[in-house]
Amino acid sequence: MHNISSLIQPYFRNTLFLIECCNGKLISQYAYYRNEEEVILMPKTTFTVISDPLNHVGGLNIVHLKEITDDADERTNLRSNDRSFYANKKKLQDSIEDINRFAKIAKAFRTYPNDHNLTKDESAAIYIYTMEMSDNSNIYQILNQILRLEDRLKVRPLFGYLKLLESATSKLPNFKGIVWRGIGKDVTKSCKKD
């Protein structure tokens, strides 16, 4: 709940997503906040709006989403090669200023050995993905912003890290259940039921 409560600001327009997911990956034991159930939904995950947003008193909007699954979908089984985590970290350096400090922290606090046979680098990649930066933003927010850029060349430096992250999450079991996600702004205009 820490992540949601820190994003939801009273008396401002906020959005809380109730997400029914079936292919999420439970990453709690590898995350920065290990006491919270944290689920990662991969970038290729798509959703449908189940109901129009509910507007609550105090500016909170609730949007109900459901993951769209395709039984014929062939999942990518990318595995990390012998590249070191520091090589992948170097590629992120241009995008994230604190990456050197984050890499050292992740290397110190990663979960290894672990129940899912993640390598040291894979465990550290998940840990970095969940870390907060000094300005209260997150690595995953920065990655998502970069992935949405029209200039696809700016995404290229992230491929090594994203491959490492995909390799790590492919080893984790799927999580099926409800996921909550809060955003500190009103995004309901883009969330209408079909």
Protein backbone atom coordinates (compact mmCIF):
# COMPACT_ATOMS: atom_id res chain seq x y z
CA MET A 1 0.00 0.00 0.00
CA HIS A 2 2.96 2.36 0.41
CA ASN A 3 3.23 2.95 -3.34
CA ILE A 4 -0.48 3.67 -3.77
CA SER A 5 -0.82 5.92 -0.73
CA SER A 6 2.22 7.95 -1.75
CA LEU A 7 0.74 8.52 -5.22
CA ILE A 8 -2.79 9.41 -4.12
CA GLN A 9 -2.97 13.00 -2.95
CA PRO A 10 -6.08 14.21 -1.12
CA TYR A 11 -8.16 16.93 -2.79
CA PHE A 12 -6.57 16.42 -6.19
CA ARG A 13 -7.83 14.38 -9.12
CA ASN A 14 -6.32 10.90 -8.76
CA THR A 15 -6.91 7.57 -10.48
CA LEU A 16 -6.92 4.16 -8.84
CA PHE A 17 -6.91 1.14 -11.15
CA LEU A 18 -8.45 -2.17 -10.12
CA ILE A 19 -6.79 -4.61 -12.52
CA GLU A 20 -7.82 -8.23 -13.02
CA CYS A 21 -4.64 -9.89 -14.22
CA CYS A 22 -3.72 -13.47 -15.10
CA ASN A 23 -0.14 -13.13 -16.33
CA GLY A 24 1.37 -10.83 -13.73
CA LYS A 25 4.59 -11.82 -12.02
CA LEU A 26 4.85 -11.65 -8.22
CA ILE A 27 8.19 -9.96 -7.55
CA SER A 28 7.85 -9.15 -3.83
CA GLN A 29 10.87 -11.14 -2.66
CA TYR A 30 13.08 -9.35 -5.21
CA ALA A 31 11.62 -5.84 -4.83
CA TYR A 32 12.78 -2.75 -2.96
CA TYR A 33 9.67 -2.92 -0.72
CA ARG A 34 9.71 -6.59 0.26
CA ASN A 35 6.88 -6.30 2.80
CA GLU A 36 4.38 -5.44 0.08
CA GLU A 37 2.89 -7.73 -2.51
CA GLU A 38 4.29 -6.29 -5.68
CA VAL A 39 3.25 -7.57 -9.10
CA ILE A 40 4.86 -6.64 -12.40
CA LEU A 41 2.78 -6.48 -15.56
CA MET A 42 5.03 -6.68 -18.59
CA PRO A 43 5.00 -3.86 -21.18
CA LYS A 44 3.19 -5.99 -23.76
CA THR A 45 0.22 -6.51 -21.41
CA THR A 46 -3.05 -5.09 -22.77
CA PHE A 47 -6.28 -4.35 -20.95
CA THR A 48 -9.93 -3.70 -21.60
CA VAL A 49 -12.02 -1.28 -19.54
CA ILE A 50 -14.70 -3.27 -17.69
CA SER A 51 -16.69 -0.30 -16.41
CA ASP A 52 -16.64 3.44 -16.90
CA PRO A 53 -14.63 5.28 -14.24
CA LEU A 54 -16.33 5.82 -10.89
CA ASN A 55 -15.80 9.33 -9.54
CA HIS A 56 -15.60 9.40 -5.75
CA VAL A 57 -15.66 12.24 -3.25
CA GLY A 58 -12.27 13.89 -2.76
CA GLY A 59 -11.17 13.52 -6.37
CA LEU A 60 -10.54 9.77 -6.48
CA ASN A 61 -11.49 8.02 -9.72
CA ILE A 62 -11.61 4.22 -9.85
CA VAL A 63 -11.14 2.42 -13.16
CA HIS A 64 -11.79 -1.33 -13.48
CA LEU A 65 -9.53 -3.04 -16.05
CA LYS A 66 -9.15 -6.66 -17.15
CA GLU A 67 -6.11 -8.16 -18.84
CA ILE A 68 -6.72 -9.30 -22.39
CA THR A 69 -5.27 -12.75 -22.93
CA ASP A 70 -4.70 -14.64 -26.13
CA ASP A 71 -4.40 -18.38 -25.63
CA ALA A 72 -2.53 -18.65 -28.93
CA ASP A 73 0.03 -16.10 -27.81
CA GLU A 74 3.56 -17.47 -27.92
CA ARG A 75 5.51 -16.02 -25.04
CA THR A 76 9.05 -14.87 -25.63
CA ASN A 77 11.47 -16.96 -23.63
CA LEU A 78 14.44 -14.63 -23.62
CA ARG A 79 17.31 -15.73 -21.44
CA SER A 80 20.15 -13.53 -20.34
CA ASN A 81 23.52 -14.36 -21.78
CA ASP A 82 26.83 -13.97 -20.01
CA ARG A 83 26.81 -10.18 -20.27
CA SER A 84 27.41 -8.64 -16.94
CA PHE A 85 24.83 -6.51 -15.22
CA TYR A 86 27.26 -3.60 -15.32
CA ALA A 87 27.30 -3.73 -19.13
CA ASN A 88 23.50 -3.43 -19.20
CA LYS A 89 23.67 -0.72 -16.54
CA LYS A 90 26.02 1.29 -18.77
CA LYS A 91 23.35 1.41 -21.48
CA LEU A 92 20.85 2.92 -19.04
CA GLN A 93 23.28 5.57 -17.79
CA ASP A 94 22.27 8.18 -20.34
CA SER A 95 18.64 7.89 -19.23
CA ILE A 96 18.93 7.57 -15.48
CA GLU A 97 21.35 9.75 -13.53
CA ASP A 98 21.49 7.68 -10.30
CA ILE A 99 22.08 4.31 -11.96
CA ASN A 100 25.58 3.82 -10.49
CA ARG A 101 24.27 4.21 -6.95
CA PHE A 102 21.21 2.06 -7.75
CA ALA A 103 23.35 -0.73 -9.19
CA LYS A 104 25.51 -0.85 -6.04
CA ILE A 105 22.44 -0.94 -3.79
CA ALA A 106 20.76 -3.61 -5.94
CA LYS A 107 23.90 -5.75 -5.93
CA ALA A 108 24.01 -5.50 -2.12
CA PHE A 109 20.32 -6.23 -1.47
CA ARG A 110 19.34 -8.58 -4.30
CA THR A 111 17.90 -11.97 -3.36
CA TYR A 112 20.45 -14.64 -4.21
CA PRO A 113 20.32 -17.58 -4.03
CA ASN A 114 16.56 -17.67 -4.54
CA ASP A 115 13.62 -20.03 -5.10
CA HIS A 116 13.28 -19.24 -8.82
CA ASN A 117 16.88 -19.81 -9.99
CA LEU A 118 17.35 -16.18 -10.95
CA THR A 119 20.95 -15.18 -11.59
CA LYS A 120 22.49 -12.46 -9.45
CA ASP A 121 22.05 -10.01 -12.31
CA GLU A 122 18.40 -10.97 -12.92
CA SER A 123 17.58 -10.51 -9.24
CA ALA A 124 19.34 -7.13 -9.24
CA ALA A 125 17.44 -6.08 -12.40
CA ILE A 126 14.08 -6.62 -10.67
CA TYR A 127 15.31 -4.81 -7.56
CA ILE A 128 16.37 -1.78 -9.61
CA TYR A 129 13.03 -1.78 -11.47
CA THR A 130 11.21 -1.27 -8.16
CA MET A 131 13.50 1.34 -6.58
CA GLU A 132 12.45 4.91 -5.92
CA MET A 133 14.63 7.82 -6.92
CA SER A 134 15.37 10.87 -4.79
CA ASP A 135 12.72 12.96 -6.56
CA ASN A 136 10.00 10.37 -5.72
CA SER A 137 9.91 8.96 -9.25
CA ASN A 138 10.60 5.33 -10.09
CA ILE A 139 12.81 3.49 -12.54
CA TYR A 140 9.77 1.82 -14.09
CA GLN A 141 8.18 5.23 -14.74
CA ILE A 142 11.30 6.42 -16.56
CA LEU A 143 11.51 3.19 -18.57
CA ASN A 144 7.84 3.46 -19.54
CA GLN A 145 8.34 7.07 -20.67
CA ILE A 146 11.31 6.06 -22.81
CA LEU A 147 9.41 3.10 -24.28
CA ARG A 148 6.63 5.49 -25.38
CA LEU A 149 8.98 7.82 -27.28
CA GLU A 150 8.40 8.11 -31.01
CA ASP A 151 12.15 8.13 -31.62
CA ARG A 152 12.74 4.36 -31.41
CA LEU A 153 16.52 4.88 -31.45
CA LYS A 154 16.29 6.19 -27.88
CA VAL A 155 14.84 2.84 -26.80
CA ARG A 156 17.76 0.85 -28.21
CA PRO A 157 20.12 1.45 -25.26
CA LEU A 158 17.53 -0.20 -23.00
CA PHE A 159 17.39 -3.50 -24.90
CA GLY A 160 20.07 -5.20 -22.78
CA TYR A 161 18.39 -4.25 -19.51
CA LEU A 162 14.92 -5.12 -20.81
CA LYS A 163 16.18 -8.51 -22.00
CA LEU A 164 17.65 -9.15 -18.55
CA LEU A 165 14.36 -8.10 -16.91
CA GLU A 166 12.34 -10.30 -19.30
CA SER A 167 14.67 -13.22 -18.59
CA ALA A 168 14.15 -12.73 -14.84
CA THR A 169 10.37 -12.45 -14.98
CA SER A 170 10.05 -15.43 -17.34
CA LYS A 171 11.38 -17.60 -14.50
CA LEU A 172 8.72 -16.40 -12.06
CA PRO A 173 5.31 -18.09 -11.82
CA ASN A 174 2.28 -16.25 -13.18
CA PHE A 175 0.13 -14.33 -10.73
CA LYS A 176 -3.63 -14.42 -11.23
CA GLY A 177 -5.66 -12.01 -9.15
CA ILE A 178 -6.47 -8.38 -8.46
CA VAL A 179 -3.76 -5.73 -8.69
CA TRP A 180 -4.25 -2.14 -7.51
CA ARG A 181 -2.31 0.75 -9.03
CA GLY A 182 -2.62 4.40 -8.11
CA ILE A 183 -1.69 7.42 -10.22
CA GLY A 184 -1.54 10.97 -8.87
CA LYS A 185 -3.54 12.48 -11.74
CA ASP A 186 -6.85 12.05 -13.52
CA VAL A 187 -6.43 9.78 -16.55
CA THR A 188 -10.06 8.71 -16.82
CA LYS A 189 -10.65 10.45 -20.16
CA SER A 190 -8.59 7.73 -21.83
CA CYS A 191 -10.37 4.93 -19.92
CA LYS A 192 -13.87 4.59 -21.35
CA LYS A 193 -15.75 1.32 -21.67
CA ASP A 194 -16.17 0.18 -25.29
